[in-house]
């Protein structure tokens, strides 16, 4: 069967990669997405810096494409101290002005300022609950409340969910900014709190196996 014929026979939202395996169509739309789709998106992440990075970069994406942000990600990491929120919480107006001169990132004063604010809030949250990871993973949607089958039409209805709405509300009450429910569902998808690889995608079972083996970080018990 030719690649074109095989691709045409695939369910909506899937396409054949150069290796002949079906993938989420968006993961093949550009070379920049292939490794991101195959090895990052949907795989569980428990590192605080990587989770905080994603929280911040999703904020920077607002009004832009994720591809734009992904292509600048290494620049963002260099500019924002690897997204170590303990370090960023100590930064102030001088660092903001320096960041706004950095052509390698998105120079938006509100979004840059938000990163430093959110770093301070993340410190408070981690001091309270043990880690940012413990907090975010406590909002993982129960399996019983997930779609029975993740198809492309189903995903189109899930830009935000009750769980991302609740997480957004709680983070806003804690003083975080640029944390709308759509932004936070994108974080859940990318960081593996849900597995939204389309059914039939070759990365879906790999992400699911990684989720099954992942040890969820525990929240600190209240004193």
Protein backbone atom coordinates (compact mmCIF):
# COMPACT_ATOMS: atom_id res chain seq x y z
CA UNK A 1 0.00 0.00 0.00
CA UNK A 2 1.43 3.41 -0.91
CA UNK A 3 2.00 6.08 1.75
CA UNK A 4 -0.71 8.25 0.21
CA UNK A 5 -3.24 5.46 0.20
CA UNK A 6 -2.33 4.41 3.73
CA UNK A 7 -2.66 7.96 4.98
CA UNK A 8 -6.07 8.34 3.32
CA UNK A 9 -7.31 5.22 5.10
CA UNK A 10 -6.30 6.46 8.53
CA UNK A 11 -8.83 7.87 10.99
CA UNK A 12 -9.20 11.63 11.14
CA UNK A 13 -6.35 13.34 12.96
CA UNK A 14 -3.70 10.76 12.04
CA UNK A 15 -1.04 10.70 9.33
CA UNK A 16 1.77 8.32 8.40
CA UNK A 17 5.26 9.38 9.40
CA UNK A 18 8.35 8.76 7.25
CA UNK A 19 8.89 5.50 9.16
CA UNK A 20 5.45 4.28 8.12
CA UNK A 21 3.92 4.58 11.60
CA UNK A 22 0.76 6.63 12.19
CA UNK A 23 1.05 9.72 14.34
CA UNK A 24 -1.15 12.61 15.40
CA UNK A 25 -1.29 14.69 12.26
CA UNK A 26 -0.12 17.86 14.03
CA UNK A 27 3.04 16.02 15.11
CA UNK A 28 4.09 15.71 11.49
CA UNK A 29 3.09 19.18 10.34
CA UNK A 30 6.65 20.48 10.75
CA UNK A 31 10.05 18.97 11.54
CA UNK A 32 10.15 20.94 14.80
CA UNK A 33 7.14 19.02 16.06
CA UNK A 34 8.29 15.45 15.33
CA UNK A 35 10.63 14.90 18.29
CA UNK A 36 8.37 17.00 20.55
CA UNK A 37 5.38 14.84 19.65
CA UNK A 38 7.23 11.53 19.84
CA UNK A 39 9.18 12.05 23.06
CA UNK A 40 7.70 14.89 25.12
CA UNK A 41 4.04 15.69 24.52
CA UNK A 42 1.83 13.49 26.68
CA UNK A 43 4.69 11.88 28.60
CA UNK A 44 4.49 12.47 32.39
CA UNK A 45 6.76 15.13 33.80
CA UNK A 46 7.49 15.51 37.50
CA UNK A 47 10.34 18.01 37.44
CA UNK A 48 9.35 21.34 38.97
CA UNK A 49 11.48 23.45 36.63
CA UNK A 50 10.05 21.76 33.53
CA UNK A 51 6.51 22.12 34.84
CA UNK A 52 7.06 25.77 35.69
CA UNK A 53 8.66 26.28 32.28
CA UNK A 54 5.59 24.90 30.55
CA UNK A 55 3.29 27.04 32.70
CA UNK A 56 5.25 30.13 31.67
CA UNK A 57 5.65 29.24 28.01
CA UNK A 58 1.95 28.53 27.66
CA UNK A 59 1.42 32.05 28.94
CA UNK A 60 3.84 33.43 26.36
CA UNK A 61 2.01 31.49 23.65
CA UNK A 62 -1.19 33.46 24.22
CA UNK A 63 -1.98 35.11 20.88
CA UNK A 64 0.82 33.19 19.14
CA UNK A 65 1.42 29.63 17.94
CA UNK A 66 3.11 26.95 20.04
CA UNK A 67 5.53 26.44 17.15
CA UNK A 68 6.79 30.00 17.60
CA UNK A 69 7.44 29.34 21.28
CA UNK A 70 8.96 25.91 20.71
CA UNK A 71 11.47 27.36 18.27
CA UNK A 72 12.49 29.92 20.88
CA UNK A 73 12.45 27.53 23.84
CA UNK A 74 16.20 27.32 24.30
CA UNK A 75 16.38 31.11 24.23
CA UNK A 76 13.69 31.26 26.91
CA UNK A 77 15.57 28.75 29.04
CA UNK A 78 18.77 30.76 28.82
CA UNK A 79 16.99 34.05 29.56
CA UNK A 80 14.94 32.73 32.51
CA UNK A 81 17.61 30.77 34.42
CA UNK A 82 16.30 27.40 33.27
CA UNK A 83 12.92 28.32 34.79
CA UNK A 84 14.15 27.72 38.33
CA UNK A 85 11.36 29.49 40.15
CA UNK A 86 13.41 29.86 43.33
CA UNK A 87 15.91 31.94 41.36
CA UNK A 88 13.30 33.87 39.39
CA UNK A 89 11.39 34.79 42.54
CA UNK A 90 14.34 36.99 43.52
CA UNK A 91 14.39 38.94 40.25
CA UNK A 92 12.88 42.40 39.95
CA UNK A 93 12.52 45.50 37.73
CA UNK A 94 16.16 45.50 36.59
CA UNK A 95 15.91 41.94 35.25
CA UNK A 96 12.56 42.72 33.61
CA UNK A 97 14.14 45.56 31.63
CA UNK A 98 17.03 43.31 30.59
CA UNK A 99 14.63 40.61 29.42
CA UNK A 100 12.67 43.13 27.36
CA UNK A 101 15.87 43.80 25.39
CA UNK A 102 16.35 40.09 24.57
CA UNK A 103 15.37 39.57 20.94
CA UNK A 104 15.51 35.80 21.39
CA UNK A 105 12.30 35.67 23.43
CA UNK A 106 8.83 37.17 23.20
CA UNK A 107 9.28 40.70 24.54
CA UNK A 108 5.92 41.33 26.17
CA UNK A 109 6.14 43.24 29.44
CA UNK A 110 3.01 41.74 30.93
CA UNK A 111 4.08 38.18 30.18
CA UNK A 112 7.65 38.73 31.40
CA UNK A 113 6.36 40.30 34.61
CA UNK A 114 3.95 37.40 35.00
CA UNK A 115 6.83 34.90 35.04
CA UNK A 116 8.42 36.62 38.04
CA UNK A 117 5.08 36.93 39.83
CA UNK A 118 4.28 33.29 39.16
CA UNK A 119 7.73 32.28 40.41
CA UNK A 120 6.98 33.90 43.76
CA UNK A 121 3.58 32.20 43.88
CA UNK A 122 5.19 28.86 42.95
CA UNK A 123 7.58 29.21 45.88
CA UNK A 124 4.64 29.75 48.22
CA UNK A 125 2.79 26.79 46.76
CA UNK A 126 5.84 24.49 46.99
CA UNK A 127 6.51 25.58 50.57
CA UNK A 128 2.92 24.70 51.42
CA UNK A 129 2.52 21.41 49.54
CA UNK A 130 6.06 20.14 48.97
CA UNK A 131 6.49 20.86 45.27
CA UNK A 132 4.82 22.38 42.26
CA UNK A 133 4.66 18.89 40.78
CA UNK A 134 2.73 17.57 43.77
CA UNK A 135 0.21 20.37 43.39
CA UNK A 136 -0.29 19.99 39.65
CA UNK A 137 -0.53 16.20 39.72
CA UNK A 138 -3.17 16.40 42.42
CA UNK A 139 -5.33 17.86 39.63
CA UNK A 140 -4.86 14.87 37.31
CA UNK A 141 -8.30 13.96 35.93
CA UNK A 142 -9.55 10.54 37.15
CA UNK A 143 -9.62 7.89 34.44
CA UNK A 144 -13.38 7.50 34.90
CA UNK A 145 -13.84 11.14 33.86
CA UNK A 146 -11.78 10.84 30.68
CA UNK A 147 -13.22 10.03 27.23
CA UNK A 148 -13.61 6.33 26.55
CA UNK A 149 -11.78 6.88 23.26
CA UNK A 150 -9.57 9.83 22.30
CA UNK A 151 -10.45 10.62 18.71
CA UNK A 152 -9.81 13.83 16.79
CA UNK A 153 -13.48 14.94 16.91
CA UNK A 154 -13.46 14.37 20.69
CA UNK A 155 -10.29 16.42 21.12
CA UNK A 156 -11.82 19.33 19.23
CA UNK A 157 -14.40 19.63 22.03
CA UNK A 158 -11.77 19.63 24.81
CA UNK A 159 -9.91 22.94 24.60
CA UNK A 160 -10.88 23.31 28.25
CA UNK A 161 -12.32 20.83 30.72
CA UNK A 162 -13.90 20.96 34.19
CA UNK A 163 -10.52 19.97 35.63
CA UNK A 164 -8.59 22.70 33.83
CA UNK A 165 -11.28 25.21 34.81
CA UNK A 166 -10.96 24.20 38.47
CA UNK A 167 -7.15 24.35 38.30
CA UNK A 168 -7.28 27.78 36.67
CA UNK A 169 -9.62 29.09 39.33
CA UNK A 170 -7.43 27.82 42.16
CA UNK A 171 -4.22 29.20 40.65
CA UNK A 172 -5.82 32.59 40.10
CA UNK A 173 -6.98 32.62 43.73
CA UNK A 174 -3.36 31.93 44.70
CA UNK A 175 -2.25 34.98 42.70
CA UNK A 176 -0.95 33.37 39.50
CA UNK A 177 -1.47 35.16 36.19
CA UNK A 178 -1.82 34.03 32.56
CA UNK A 179 -3.33 30.76 33.79
CA UNK A 180 -6.63 30.48 31.94
CA UNK A 181 -8.38 27.09 31.62
CA UNK A 182 -7.38 26.63 27.96
CA UNK A 183 -3.75 27.35 28.83
CA UNK A 184 -3.88 24.85 31.66
CA UNK A 185 -5.48 22.09 29.61
CA UNK A 186 -2.65 22.51 27.11
CA UNK A 187 -0.24 22.08 30.03
CA UNK A 188 -2.08 18.94 31.16
CA UNK A 189 -1.80 17.51 27.66
CA UNK A 190 1.88 18.34 27.23
CA UNK A 191 3.03 17.26 30.68
CA UNK A 192 1.23 13.92 30.62
CA UNK A 193 -1.52 14.59 33.15
CA UNK A 194 -3.72 13.30 30.33
CA UNK A 195 -2.86 11.25 27.25
CA UNK A 196 -4.41 13.00 24.28
CA UNK A 197 -2.49 11.26 21.53
CA UNK A 198 -5.20 10.18 19.11
CA UNK A 199 -6.20 6.51 19.18
CA UNK A 200 -3.96 4.74 16.69
CA UNK A 201 -1.01 7.13 17.11
CA UNK A 202 2.20 5.16 17.64
CA UNK A 203 3.15 7.43 20.55
CA UNK A 204 -0.09 6.83 22.45
CA UNK A 205 0.81 3.42 23.97
CA UNK A 206 4.30 4.68 24.80
CA UNK A 207 2.90 7.68 26.64
CA UNK A 208 0.36 5.46 28.40
CA UNK A 209 3.09 3.05 29.53
CA UNK A 210 5.12 5.99 30.84
CA UNK A 211 2.07 7.25 32.72
CA UNK A 212 1.49 3.80 34.22
CA UNK A 213 5.08 3.65 35.48
CA UNK A 214 5.17 7.25 36.69
CA UNK A 215 5.19 7.74 40.46
CA UNK A 216 2.85 10.62 41.22
CA UNK A 217 4.47 13.14 43.60
CA UNK A 218 2.65 13.27 46.92
CA UNK A 219 1.40 16.49 48.43
CA UNK A 220 2.78 17.35 51.83
CA UNK A 221 0.36 16.50 54.61
CA UNK A 222 -1.11 19.45 56.43
CA UNK A 223 0.63 20.12 59.74
